[in-house]
N, C-alpha and C. Protein backbone atom coordinates (compact mmCIF):
# COMPACT_ATOMS: atom_id res chain seq x y z
N MET A 1 -7.37 15.96 -5.16
CA MET A 1 -6.41 16.41 -4.36
C MET A 1 -6.16 17.97 -5.18
N ARG A 2 -6.27 19.27 -4.38
CA ARG A 2 -5.79 20.16 -5.16
C ARG A 2 -4.60 20.40 -5.60
N GLU A 3 -4.12 21.03 -6.75
CA GLU A 3 -3.04 21.15 -7.24
C GLU A 3 -2.02 21.53 -6.17
N SER A 4 -2.16 22.69 -5.67
CA SER A 4 -1.28 23.42 -4.58
C SER A 4 -0.78 22.39 -3.60
N GLU A 5 -1.75 21.34 -3.20
CA GLU A 5 -0.97 20.39 -2.43
C GLU A 5 0.37 19.57 -2.81
N ARG A 6 0.21 19.42 -4.05
CA ARG A 6 1.38 18.64 -4.66
C ARG A 6 2.70 19.27 -4.40
N TYR A 7 2.66 20.47 -3.81
CA TYR A 7 4.00 21.58 -3.80
C TYR A 7 4.09 21.43 -1.88
N ALA A 8 3.19 20.61 -1.27
CA ALA A 8 3.37 21.02 0.08
C ALA A 8 4.36 20.48 0.70
N ASP A 9 5.37 19.35 0.04
CA ASP A 9 6.26 18.88 0.64
C ASP A 9 7.90 19.69 0.36
N ARG A 10 7.63 20.62 -0.46
CA ARG A 10 8.60 21.51 -0.77
C ARG A 10 9.16 22.89 -0.26
N LYS A 11 10.01 22.94 0.34
CA LYS A 11 10.30 24.13 1.13
C LYS A 11 10.63 25.23 0.61
N PHE A 12 9.68 26.26 0.20
CA PHE A 12 9.82 27.58 0.08
C PHE A 12 10.23 28.69 0.96
N ILE A 13 10.85 29.71 0.83
CA ILE A 13 10.92 31.08 1.36
C ILE A 13 10.67 32.17 0.81
N GLY A 14 10.44 33.26 1.72
CA GLY A 14 10.02 34.62 0.98
C GLY A 14 8.90 34.24 -0.10
N ARG A 15 9.01 35.16 -1.13
CA ARG A 15 8.04 35.34 -1.93
C ARG A 15 7.08 34.26 -2.28
N ASN A 16 7.74 33.16 -2.71
CA ASN A 16 7.45 31.68 -3.11
C ASN A 16 6.73 31.19 -1.82
N ARG A 17 6.88 31.31 -0.80
CA ARG A 17 5.99 30.92 0.43
C ARG A 17 4.98 31.49 -0.05
N ARG A 18 4.79 33.03 0.18
CA ARG A 18 3.72 33.80 -0.05
C ARG A 18 2.79 33.38 -0.99
N LEU A 19 3.59 33.12 -2.25
CA LEU A 19 2.77 32.69 -3.60
C LEU A 19 2.03 31.34 -3.16
N LEU A 20 2.64 30.44 -2.47
CA LEU A 20 2.16 28.84 -2.49
C LEU A 20 0.75 29.08 -1.37
N ASN A 21 1.10 29.94 -0.36
CA ASN A 21 0.09 30.26 0.45
C ASN A 21 -1.35 30.80 -0.25
N GLU A 22 -1.05 31.85 -0.77
CA GLU A 22 -2.32 32.23 -1.81
C GLU A 22 -2.88 31.28 -2.23
N TRP A 23 -1.93 30.73 -3.17
CA TRP A 23 -2.70 29.72 -3.91
C TRP A 23 -3.46 28.62 -3.25
N ARG A 24 -3.19 28.40 -2.05
CA ARG A 24 -3.58 27.02 -1.44
C ARG A 24 -5.22 27.71 -0.98
N LYS A 25 -5.10 29.22 -0.30
CA LYS A 25 -6.20 29.79 0.20
C LYS A 25 -7.28 30.18 -1.08
N LEU A 26 -7.12 30.44 -2.24
CA LEU A 26 -7.64 30.55 -3.38
C LEU A 26 -8.30 29.05 -3.63
N GLU A 27 -7.58 28.17 -3.97
CA GLU A 27 -8.07 26.82 -4.12
C GLU A 27 -8.79 26.35 -2.96
N GLU A 28 -9.05 26.46 -1.69
CA GLU A 28 -9.80 26.25 -0.76
C GLU A 28 -10.85 26.68 -0.68
N HIS A 29 -10.86 28.34 -0.57
CA HIS A 29 -11.78 28.99 -0.74
C HIS A 29 -12.88 28.73 -2.25
N LEU A 30 -12.42 28.80 -3.09
CA LEU A 30 -13.20 28.61 -4.39
C LEU A 30 -13.70 27.05 -4.87
N GLU A 31 -13.19 26.22 -3.82
CA GLU A 31 -13.31 24.73 -4.11
C GLU A 31 -14.61 24.29 -4.66
N ASN A 32 -15.59 24.75 -3.68
CA ASN A 32 -17.00 24.13 -4.11
C ASN A 32 -17.94 25.57 -4.84
N ARG A 33 -17.23 26.30 -5.00
CA ARG A 33 -18.19 27.43 -5.56
C ARG A 33 -18.60 27.17 -7.08
N ARG A 34 -19.80 27.69 -7.68
CA ARG A 34 -20.11 27.60 -8.78
C ARG A 34 -20.19 28.97 -9.40
N ASP A 35 -20.24 30.08 -8.89
CA ASP A 35 -20.29 31.22 -9.17
C ASP A 35 -18.73 32.21 -9.70
N ILE A 36 -17.85 31.28 -9.09
CA ILE A 36 -16.76 31.85 -8.97
C ILE A 36 -15.46 30.70 -9.30
N GLN A 37 -14.78 30.59 -10.33
CA GLN A 37 -13.79 29.50 -10.89
C GLN A 37 -12.63 30.07 -10.95
N LEU A 38 -11.37 29.17 -10.58
CA LEU A 38 -10.41 29.68 -10.84
C LEU A 38 -9.26 28.85 -11.65
N GLN A 39 -8.68 29.35 -12.73
CA GLN A 39 -7.65 28.82 -13.47
C GLN A 39 -6.21 29.25 -13.17
N VAL A 40 -5.24 28.53 -13.02
CA VAL A 40 -3.88 29.33 -13.49
C VAL A 40 -3.25 29.06 -14.77
N VAL A 41 -2.90 30.71 -14.96
CA VAL A 41 -2.48 30.80 -16.62
C VAL A 41 -1.02 31.14 -16.74
N ARG A 42 -0.38 31.27 -15.33
CA ARG A 42 1.07 31.81 -15.66
C ARG A 42 1.71 31.31 -14.26
N ARG A 43 3.08 30.71 -14.56
CA ARG A 43 3.91 30.40 -13.37
C ARG A 43 4.94 30.95 -13.41
N ASN A 44 5.97 30.78 -12.26
CA ASN A 44 7.14 31.18 -12.28
C ASN A 44 7.72 29.87 -12.48
N ALA A 45 9.45 30.33 -12.26
CA ALA A 45 10.16 29.03 -12.72
C ALA A 45 10.16 27.84 -11.68
N ASP A 46 9.65 28.03 -10.53
CA ASP A 46 9.36 27.26 -9.57
C ASP A 46 8.17 26.18 -9.52
N GLY A 47 7.02 26.93 -10.71
CA GLY A 47 5.94 26.15 -10.93
C GLY A 47 4.92 26.94 -10.10
N LEU A 48 5.13 28.04 -9.44
CA LEU A 48 4.04 28.59 -8.43
C LEU A 48 3.30 29.53 -9.25
N PRO A 49 1.92 29.55 -9.10
CA PRO A 49 1.05 30.68 -10.00
C PRO A 49 1.56 32.25 -9.57
N VAL A 50 1.75 32.87 -11.29
CA VAL A 50 1.80 34.32 -10.86
C VAL A 50 0.93 35.04 -11.85
N GLY A 51 -0.19 34.38 -12.26
CA GLY A 51 -1.15 34.72 -12.98
C GLY A 51 -2.28 33.72 -12.88
N TYR A 52 -3.53 34.42 -12.90
CA TYR A 52 -4.66 33.52 -12.54
C TYR A 52 -5.75 34.27 -13.62
N LEU A 53 -6.80 33.43 -13.79
CA LEU A 53 -8.03 33.84 -14.76
C LEU A 53 -9.02 33.57 -13.98
N VAL A 54 -9.83 34.56 -13.20
CA VAL A 54 -10.84 34.14 -12.46
C VAL A 54 -12.33 34.45 -13.13
N SER A 55 -12.92 33.29 -13.44
CA SER A 55 -14.48 33.53 -14.05
C SER A 55 -15.67 33.52 -13.16
N TYR A 56 -16.20 34.83 -13.12
CA TYR A 56 -17.41 35.19 -12.42
C TYR A 56 -18.71 34.48 -13.05
N GLN A 57 -19.35 33.81 -12.88
CA GLN A 57 -21.00 33.43 -13.41
C GLN A 57 -21.88 34.31 -12.54
N LEU A 58 -21.67 35.56 -12.52
CA LEU A 58 -22.53 36.31 -11.88
C LEU A 58 -23.21 37.34 -12.82
N ARG A 59 -24.45 37.79 -12.92
CA ARG A 59 -25.28 38.54 -13.50
C ARG A 59 -25.08 39.91 -13.12
N SER A 60 -24.44 41.00 -13.88
CA SER A 60 -24.13 42.20 -13.46
C SER A 60 -24.15 43.52 -14.82
N ILE A 61 -23.91 44.30 -14.45
CA ILE A 61 -24.19 45.67 -15.43
C ILE A 61 -23.08 45.46 -16.27
N CYS A 62 -23.22 45.47 -17.75
CA CYS A 62 -22.22 45.41 -18.76
C CYS A 62 -21.89 46.65 -19.51
N GLY A 63 -23.02 47.49 -19.60
CA GLY A 63 -23.16 48.42 -20.33
C GLY A 63 -24.28 49.52 -20.12
N VAL A 64 -24.66 50.16 -21.11
CA VAL A 64 -25.88 51.05 -20.70
C VAL A 64 -26.43 51.03 -22.24
N SER A 65 -27.69 51.66 -22.35
CA SER A 65 -28.00 51.77 -23.57
C SER A 65 -28.06 53.05 -24.13
N ASN A 66 -28.21 53.49 -25.21
CA ASN A 66 -27.84 54.63 -26.12
C ASN A 66 -26.60 55.04 -25.52
N LEU A 67 -25.31 54.38 -25.72
CA LEU A 67 -24.40 55.02 -25.49
C LEU A 67 -23.55 55.80 -26.29
N ALA A 68 -23.98 55.72 -27.26
CA ALA A 68 -23.22 56.83 -28.45
C ALA A 68 -23.89 57.99 -28.27
N HIS A 69 -24.54 58.35 -27.32
CA HIS A 69 -25.44 59.47 -26.69
C HIS A 69 -24.82 59.76 -25.26
N PHE A 70 -23.86 59.03 -24.91
CA PHE A 70 -23.62 58.98 -23.34
C PHE A 70 -23.22 60.35 -22.79
N GLY A 71 -23.83 60.99 -21.84
CA GLY A 71 -23.20 62.25 -21.46
C GLY A 71 -24.22 63.48 -21.92
N GLU A 72 -25.15 63.19 -22.94
CA GLU A 72 -25.81 64.25 -23.27
C GLU A 72 -27.17 64.37 -22.62
N ARG A 73 -27.54 65.63 -22.48
CA ARG A 73 -28.89 66.02 -21.79
C ARG A 73 -30.24 65.35 -22.23
N GLY A 74 -30.93 64.42 -20.98
CA GLY A 74 -32.34 64.13 -21.30
C GLY A 74 -32.43 62.69 -22.12
N VAL A 75 -31.19 62.42 -22.01
CA VAL A 75 -31.28 61.04 -22.89
C VAL A 75 -30.87 59.89 -21.69
N THR A 76 -31.90 58.96 -21.81
CA THR A 76 -31.76 57.89 -20.60
C THR A 76 -31.07 56.52 -21.14
N HIS A 77 -30.00 56.11 -20.13
CA HIS A 77 -29.16 55.12 -20.42
C HIS A 77 -29.41 53.87 -19.45
N ALA A 78 -30.73 53.04 -19.82
CA ALA A 78 -30.72 51.85 -18.89
C ALA A 78 -29.56 50.99 -18.92
N PRO A 79 -29.54 50.47 -17.93
CA PRO A 79 -28.47 49.44 -17.57
C PRO A 79 -28.60 48.09 -18.69
N VAL A 80 -27.55 47.62 -19.43
CA VAL A 80 -27.58 46.43 -20.05
C VAL A 80 -26.96 45.40 -19.04
N PHE A 81 -27.10 43.96 -19.03
CA PHE A 81 -26.87 43.08 -18.20
C PHE A 81 -26.01 41.85 -19.26
N ALA A 82 -25.35 41.42 -18.38
CA ALA A 82 -24.66 40.11 -18.75
C ALA A 82 -24.40 38.93 -17.59
N THR A 83 -23.87 37.80 -17.85
CA THR A 83 -23.74 37.00 -17.36
C THR A 83 -22.38 35.85 -17.31
N GLY A 84 -21.34 36.43 -16.64
CA GLY A 84 -20.08 35.58 -17.03
C GLY A 84 -18.96 36.89 -17.56
N PHE A 85 -18.05 37.04 -16.54
CA PHE A 85 -17.11 37.87 -16.80
C PHE A 85 -15.91 37.31 -16.34
N GLN A 86 -14.95 37.69 -17.36
CA GLN A 86 -13.34 36.85 -17.10
C GLN A 86 -12.21 37.95 -16.60
N MET A 87 -11.46 37.96 -15.35
CA MET A 87 -10.71 38.41 -14.61
C MET A 87 -9.56 38.14 -14.64
N ARG A 88 -8.21 38.47 -14.95
CA ARG A 88 -7.08 38.27 -15.07
C ARG A 88 -6.32 38.75 -13.58
N ILE A 89 -5.62 38.02 -12.74
CA ILE A 89 -4.84 38.52 -11.53
C ILE A 89 -3.49 38.30 -12.16
N ASP A 90 -2.88 39.27 -11.89
CA ASP A 90 -1.07 39.20 -12.38
C ASP A 90 -0.49 39.82 -10.97
N ILE A 91 0.57 38.88 -11.17
CA ILE A 91 1.29 39.22 -9.60
C ILE A 91 2.63 39.42 -10.23
N PRO A 92 3.15 40.83 -9.82
CA PRO A 92 4.70 40.98 -10.28
C PRO A 92 5.62 40.72 -9.47
N GLU A 93 7.02 40.84 -10.11
CA GLU A 93 8.16 40.71 -9.23
C GLU A 93 8.06 40.95 -7.66
N GLY A 94 7.94 42.11 -7.61
CA GLY A 94 7.96 42.81 -6.17
C GLY A 94 6.79 42.20 -5.22
N TYR A 95 6.02 41.46 -5.59
CA TYR A 95 4.54 41.21 -4.75
C TYR A 95 5.30 40.21 -3.69
N PRO A 96 4.70 40.51 -2.34
CA PRO A 96 3.73 41.77 -1.81
C PRO A 96 4.55 42.92 -1.40
N SER A 97 5.31 43.53 -1.76
CA SER A 97 5.61 44.70 -1.57
C SER A 97 4.23 45.90 -1.62
N VAL A 98 4.36 47.08 -0.77
CA VAL A 98 3.39 47.95 -1.14
C VAL A 98 3.12 48.40 -2.45
N ASP A 99 4.36 48.84 -2.94
CA ASP A 99 4.58 49.25 -4.45
C ASP A 99 4.58 48.52 -5.63
N SER A 100 3.96 46.78 -5.26
CA SER A 100 4.01 45.99 -6.13
C SER A 100 2.96 44.75 -5.71
N PRO A 101 1.64 45.74 -5.87
CA PRO A 101 0.58 44.86 -5.50
C PRO A 101 0.20 43.87 -6.69
N ALA A 102 -0.63 43.10 -6.39
CA ALA A 102 -1.58 42.38 -7.34
C ALA A 102 -2.20 42.98 -8.20
N VAL A 103 -2.38 42.88 -9.65
CA VAL A 103 -3.27 43.45 -10.55
C VAL A 103 -4.25 42.82 -11.12
N PHE A 104 -5.43 43.50 -10.92
CA PHE A 104 -6.68 42.92 -11.01
C PHE A 104 -7.30 43.49 -12.37
N ARG A 105 -7.60 42.70 -13.23
CA ARG A 105 -8.08 43.56 -14.69
C ARG A 105 -9.16 42.56 -15.52
N PHE A 106 -10.19 43.10 -15.77
CA PHE A 106 -11.17 42.48 -16.64
C PHE A 106 -10.78 42.40 -17.90
N LEU A 107 -11.04 41.05 -18.55
CA LEU A 107 -10.64 40.95 -20.14
C LEU A 107 -11.69 41.74 -20.69
N THR A 108 -11.52 42.38 -22.02
CA THR A 108 -12.39 43.24 -22.83
C THR A 108 -12.68 42.67 -24.18
N HIS A 109 -11.71 41.77 -24.33
CA HIS A 109 -11.70 41.15 -25.56
C HIS A 109 -11.24 39.58 -25.51
N ASP A 110 -12.11 38.35 -26.41
CA ASP A 110 -11.74 37.15 -26.24
C ASP A 110 -10.21 36.81 -27.17
N GLU A 111 -9.91 36.01 -27.23
CA GLU A 111 -8.36 35.31 -28.04
C GLU A 111 -8.55 35.92 -29.35
N GLU A 112 -9.73 36.08 -29.83
CA GLU A 112 -9.48 36.30 -31.14
C GLU A 112 -9.84 37.84 -31.55
N GLY A 113 -9.95 38.52 -30.53
CA GLY A 113 -9.93 40.20 -30.66
C GLY A 113 -11.44 40.63 -30.41
N ASN A 114 -12.25 39.86 -30.48
CA ASN A 114 -13.66 40.10 -30.25
C ASN A 114 -14.23 40.54 -28.65
N PRO A 115 -14.88 41.73 -29.02
CA PRO A 115 -15.27 42.40 -27.67
C PRO A 115 -16.27 41.25 -26.87
N ILE A 116 -15.83 41.22 -25.43
CA ILE A 116 -16.64 40.38 -24.60
C ILE A 116 -17.19 41.35 -23.59
N PRO A 117 -18.21 41.22 -22.75
CA PRO A 117 -18.76 41.86 -21.91
C PRO A 117 -17.86 42.25 -20.46
N HIS A 118 -17.61 43.30 -20.16
CA HIS A 118 -16.62 43.48 -19.00
C HIS A 118 -17.71 44.81 -17.92
N PRO A 119 -17.35 44.58 -17.05
CA PRO A 119 -18.19 45.20 -15.85
C PRO A 119 -18.30 46.55 -15.93
N TRP A 120 -19.63 47.24 -16.09
CA TRP A 120 -19.79 48.59 -15.72
C TRP A 120 -20.02 48.99 -14.28
N HIS A 121 -19.00 49.33 -13.61
CA HIS A 121 -19.07 49.93 -12.60
C HIS A 121 -18.17 50.69 -12.11
N PRO A 122 -18.54 51.96 -11.15
CA PRO A 122 -17.25 53.01 -10.82
C PRO A 122 -16.03 52.81 -10.45
N ASN A 123 -15.84 51.32 -10.03
CA ASN A 123 -14.33 50.94 -9.50
C ASN A 123 -13.98 50.26 -10.39
N ILE A 124 -14.29 49.91 -11.52
CA ILE A 124 -13.57 49.27 -12.68
C ILE A 124 -13.93 50.02 -13.96
N ARG A 125 -12.72 50.26 -14.65
CA ARG A 125 -12.54 51.31 -15.69
C ARG A 125 -13.38 50.62 -17.01
N TRP A 126 -14.06 51.31 -17.65
CA TRP A 126 -14.83 50.79 -18.64
C TRP A 126 -14.47 51.69 -20.09
N PHE A 127 -14.28 52.74 -19.76
CA PHE A 127 -13.96 53.47 -21.15
C PHE A 127 -12.21 53.66 -21.11
N GLY A 128 -11.64 53.93 -22.56
CA GLY A 128 -10.21 54.26 -22.70
C GLY A 128 -9.26 53.17 -22.91
N ASP A 129 -8.00 53.46 -22.84
CA ASP A 129 -7.02 52.42 -22.90
C ASP A 129 -6.87 51.39 -21.77
N PHE A 130 -7.28 51.95 -20.81
CA PHE A 130 -7.37 51.06 -19.21
C PHE A 130 -8.38 50.08 -19.18
N ALA A 131 -9.32 50.17 -20.03
CA ALA A 131 -10.42 49.24 -19.80
C ALA A 131 -10.42 48.29 -19.05
N GLY A 132 -11.26 47.67 -18.17
CA GLY A 132 -11.13 46.68 -17.51
C GLY A 132 -9.97 46.67 -16.31
N ARG A 133 -9.62 47.57 -16.03
CA ARG A 133 -8.64 47.98 -14.85
C ARG A 133 -9.72 47.80 -13.80
N VAL A 134 -9.27 47.32 -12.40
CA VAL A 134 -10.04 47.27 -11.24
C VAL A 134 -9.03 47.97 -10.31
N CYS A 135 -10.16 49.05 -9.53
CA CYS A 135 -9.42 49.68 -8.52
C CYS A 135 -10.03 48.86 -7.10
N ILE A 136 -8.84 48.06 -6.58
CA ILE A 136 -9.12 47.25 -5.49
C ILE A 136 -8.90 47.65 -4.09
N ASN A 137 -7.65 48.59 -4.11
CA ASN A 137 -7.50 49.24 -2.76
C ASN A 137 -7.27 48.12 -1.64
N MET A 138 -6.16 47.61 -2.14
CA MET A 138 -6.01 46.48 -0.81
C MET A 138 -5.23 47.22 0.40
N ALA A 139 -5.83 46.65 1.31
CA ALA A 139 -5.50 47.58 2.54
C ALA A 139 -4.10 47.68 2.96
N ASP A 140 -3.36 46.66 2.90
CA ASP A 140 -1.76 46.52 3.11
C ASP A 140 -1.23 45.35 2.66
N THR A 141 0.17 45.09 2.51
CA THR A 141 0.72 44.03 2.18
C THR A 141 0.06 42.32 2.62
N TYR A 142 -0.43 42.40 3.79
CA TYR A 142 -0.97 41.28 4.08
C TYR A 142 -2.31 40.84 3.92
N THR A 143 -2.86 41.95 3.09
CA THR A 143 -4.20 41.46 2.51
C THR A 143 -4.23 40.46 1.31
N ASP A 144 -5.03 39.34 1.36
CA ASP A 144 -4.84 38.02 0.50
C ASP A 144 -5.61 38.31 -0.69
N LEU A 145 -5.33 37.41 -1.67
CA LEU A 145 -6.03 37.45 -3.19
C LEU A 145 -7.34 36.99 -2.82
N VAL A 146 -7.77 36.15 -1.96
CA VAL A 146 -9.11 35.89 -1.82
C VAL A 146 -9.84 37.02 -1.31
N TRP A 147 -9.61 37.88 -0.40
CA TRP A 147 -10.11 39.06 -0.27
C TRP A 147 -10.35 39.89 -1.43
N GLY A 148 -9.52 40.09 -2.29
CA GLY A 148 -9.54 40.94 -3.31
C GLY A 148 -10.71 40.01 -4.44
N VAL A 149 -10.76 38.84 -4.75
CA VAL A 149 -11.64 38.20 -5.51
C VAL A 149 -12.90 38.38 -4.97
N GLU A 150 -13.12 38.07 -3.70
CA GLU A 150 -14.42 38.41 -2.97
C GLU A 150 -15.02 39.96 -3.11
N ARG A 151 -13.87 40.71 -3.09
CA ARG A 151 -14.25 42.30 -2.91
C ARG A 151 -14.87 42.81 -4.46
N VAL A 152 -14.22 41.88 -5.44
CA VAL A 152 -14.61 42.10 -6.83
C VAL A 152 -15.97 41.48 -6.94
N ALA A 153 -16.40 40.26 -6.47
CA ALA A 153 -17.53 39.74 -6.38
C ALA A 153 -18.76 40.56 -6.10
N HIS A 154 -18.29 41.51 -4.91
CA HIS A 154 -19.21 42.64 -4.24
C HIS A 154 -19.36 43.54 -5.27
N TYR A 155 -18.34 43.85 -5.89
CA TYR A 155 -18.37 44.85 -6.98
C TYR A 155 -19.32 44.69 -7.96
N LEU A 156 -19.54 43.48 -8.86
CA LEU A 156 -20.43 43.02 -9.63
C LEU A 156 -21.84 43.03 -9.39
N ARG A 157 -22.07 42.83 -7.89
CA ARG A 157 -23.56 42.55 -7.36
C ARG A 157 -23.91 44.07 -7.02
N TYR A 158 -23.03 45.18 -7.00
CA TYR A 158 -22.91 46.46 -6.58
C TYR A 158 -23.22 46.58 -4.89
N ASP A 159 -22.94 45.44 -4.56
CA ASP A 159 -23.02 45.63 -2.79
C ASP A 159 -21.98 46.46 -2.26
N VAL A 160 -20.98 46.86 -3.17
CA VAL A 160 -19.95 47.81 -2.66
C VAL A 160 -19.47 49.02 -4.07
N TYR A 161 -19.61 50.10 -3.84
CA TYR A 161 -19.03 50.95 -4.92
C TYR A 161 -18.86 52.23 -4.21
N HIS A 162 -17.92 52.97 -4.96
CA HIS A 162 -17.82 54.30 -4.82
C HIS A 162 -18.14 55.37 -5.95
N ALA A 163 -18.90 56.20 -5.91
CA ALA A 163 -19.20 56.76 -6.77
C ALA A 163 -18.97 58.37 -6.81
N VAL A 164 -18.40 58.87 -5.68
CA VAL A 164 -18.52 60.24 -5.06
C VAL A 164 -17.13 60.45 -5.66
N SER A 165 -17.09 61.87 -6.27
CA SER A 165 -15.99 62.25 -7.08
C SER A 165 -14.90 62.83 -5.70
N GLU A 166 -14.36 62.15 -4.66
CA GLU A 166 -13.30 62.28 -3.73
C GLU A 166 -12.44 61.23 -3.33
N PRO A 167 -11.70 61.33 -2.55
CA PRO A 167 -10.97 60.26 -2.35
C PRO A 167 -11.43 59.02 -1.48
N PRO A 168 -11.37 57.83 -1.63
CA PRO A 168 -10.61 57.49 -3.18
C PRO A 168 -11.33 57.50 -4.15
N TYR A 169 -10.94 57.89 -5.25
CA TYR A 169 -11.73 58.54 -6.52
C TYR A 169 -12.20 57.38 -7.16
N PRO A 170 -13.22 57.16 -7.86
CA PRO A 170 -14.02 56.09 -8.58
C PRO A 170 -12.82 55.98 -9.73
N GLU A 171 -12.91 54.99 -10.25
CA GLU A 171 -12.04 54.30 -11.32
C GLU A 171 -12.25 54.83 -12.57
N ASP A 172 -13.43 54.96 -12.85
CA ASP A 172 -14.38 55.41 -14.23
C ASP A 172 -15.24 56.70 -13.61
N LEU A 173 -14.75 57.85 -13.74
CA LEU A 173 -15.62 59.00 -13.52
C LEU A 173 -16.95 59.11 -14.53
N LYS A 174 -16.89 58.28 -15.47
CA LYS A 174 -17.89 58.54 -16.39
C LYS A 174 -19.37 57.54 -15.80
N VAL A 175 -18.78 56.36 -15.57
CA VAL A 175 -19.74 55.39 -15.02
C VAL A 175 -20.27 55.84 -13.43
N ALA A 176 -19.27 56.52 -13.00
CA ALA A 176 -19.44 56.97 -11.60
C ALA A 176 -20.54 58.11 -11.68
N SER A 177 -20.45 58.61 -12.69
CA SER A 177 -21.54 59.95 -12.94
C SER A 177 -23.08 59.52 -13.42
N TRP A 178 -22.79 58.16 -13.93
CA TRP A 178 -24.10 57.57 -14.24
C TRP A 178 -24.87 56.66 -12.93
N VAL A 179 -24.15 56.22 -12.31
CA VAL A 179 -24.40 55.77 -10.97
C VAL A 179 -25.40 56.69 -10.16
N ILE A 180 -24.28 58.00 -9.96
CA ILE A 180 -25.29 59.22 -9.17
C ILE A 180 -26.52 59.71 -10.12
N ARG A 181 -26.35 59.95 -11.50
CA ARG A 181 -27.44 60.50 -11.86
C ARG A 181 -28.54 59.72 -12.31
N GLN A 182 -28.42 58.22 -12.56
CA GLN A 182 -29.40 57.54 -13.40
C GLN A 182 -29.09 56.02 -12.47
N GLY A 183 -28.26 55.78 -12.22
CA GLY A 183 -28.41 54.38 -11.38
C GLY A 183 -29.04 54.37 -10.11
N GLU A 184 -28.50 55.05 -9.31
CA GLU A 184 -29.48 55.14 -8.02
C GLU A 184 -30.90 55.60 -8.08
N PRO A 185 -30.77 57.11 -8.69
CA PRO A 185 -32.22 57.48 -8.51
C PRO A 185 -33.41 56.69 -9.30
N ASN A 186 -33.06 55.77 -10.45
CA ASN A 186 -33.97 54.60 -11.16
C ASN A 186 -33.86 53.49 -10.41
N GLU A 187 -32.99 53.57 -9.40
CA GLU A 187 -32.99 51.92 -8.50
C GLU A 187 -32.50 50.78 -9.60
N TRP A 188 -31.52 51.18 -10.52
CA TRP A 188 -31.07 50.32 -11.55
C TRP A 188 -29.94 49.65 -11.01
N ILE A 189 -29.27 49.94 -10.13
CA ILE A 189 -28.00 49.22 -9.40
C ILE A 189 -28.50 48.39 -7.92
N TYR A 190 -29.65 48.50 -8.01
CA TYR A 190 -30.26 47.59 -6.71
C TYR A 190 -30.81 46.42 -7.04
N PHE A 191 -30.12 45.67 -8.43
CA PHE A 191 -30.62 44.43 -8.91
C PHE A 191 -30.56 43.29 -8.27
N ASP A 192 -29.60 43.18 -7.17
CA ASP A 192 -29.11 41.98 -6.46
C ASP A 192 -29.37 41.73 -5.25
N SER A 193 -29.55 42.97 -4.49
CA SER A 193 -30.01 43.02 -2.95
C SER A 193 -30.86 44.13 -2.60
N ASP A 194 -31.42 43.81 -1.47
CA ASP A 194 -32.57 44.77 -0.87
C ASP A 194 -31.46 45.93 -0.62
N GLU A 195 -30.34 46.01 0.33
CA GLU A 195 -29.71 46.84 0.69
C GLU A 195 -28.42 46.92 0.04
N VAL A 196 -27.93 47.93 -0.34
CA VAL A 196 -26.85 48.21 -1.10
C VAL A 196 -25.96 48.86 -0.15
N LYS A 197 -24.62 48.53 0.30
CA LYS A 197 -23.64 49.37 1.12
C LYS A 197 -22.70 50.33 0.15
N SER A 198 -23.54 51.62 0.12
CA SER A 198 -22.33 52.46 -0.63
C SER A 198 -21.44 53.26 0.11
N GLU A 199 -20.44 52.88 -0.28
CA GLU A 199 -19.02 53.76 0.19
C GLU A 199 -18.83 55.12 -0.15
N LYS A 200 -20.23 55.71 0.25
CA LYS A 200 -20.16 57.42 -0.15
C LYS A 200 -19.68 58.21 1.05
């Protein structure tokens, strides 16, 4: 039995009804997936999830070589790959209103503070204080968390990306510049599929 089904007989309204519905959809969608696992890490007073940890067992780019010389002319930055990325989904009090969307963020350190791989992708912040933050661009308040989780999986496979410096702007402009200058020309970002759907 899925954990969310234990709450099926309880009468929730408003935000709690939405939280339960999102939880059910996530559990159902990911039930038999080996590449994506879900764990509830935070609950509200009624026991409903307001924080998830999503584990992606997918191979993706987690950085580049010669990072100390990033941006210097003539330096090649070949991709570095990893398998296994951890993403938090935090649901704010005002969710699902337009100004309180769910926050998607990849972990960059483990519980002991040691660095762990996080994705190198133009729509995921790699550099700076907000490293790990995902630009998800949920279409509206009716867009569910399942869509967001799958969208991020497409990011990791480089099936979907936006690297051009125009609206909606890339989350990480440095990574975006690498995609345009080295990732695309050297076909490094085409590691997982024959055809990449670029949002340019």
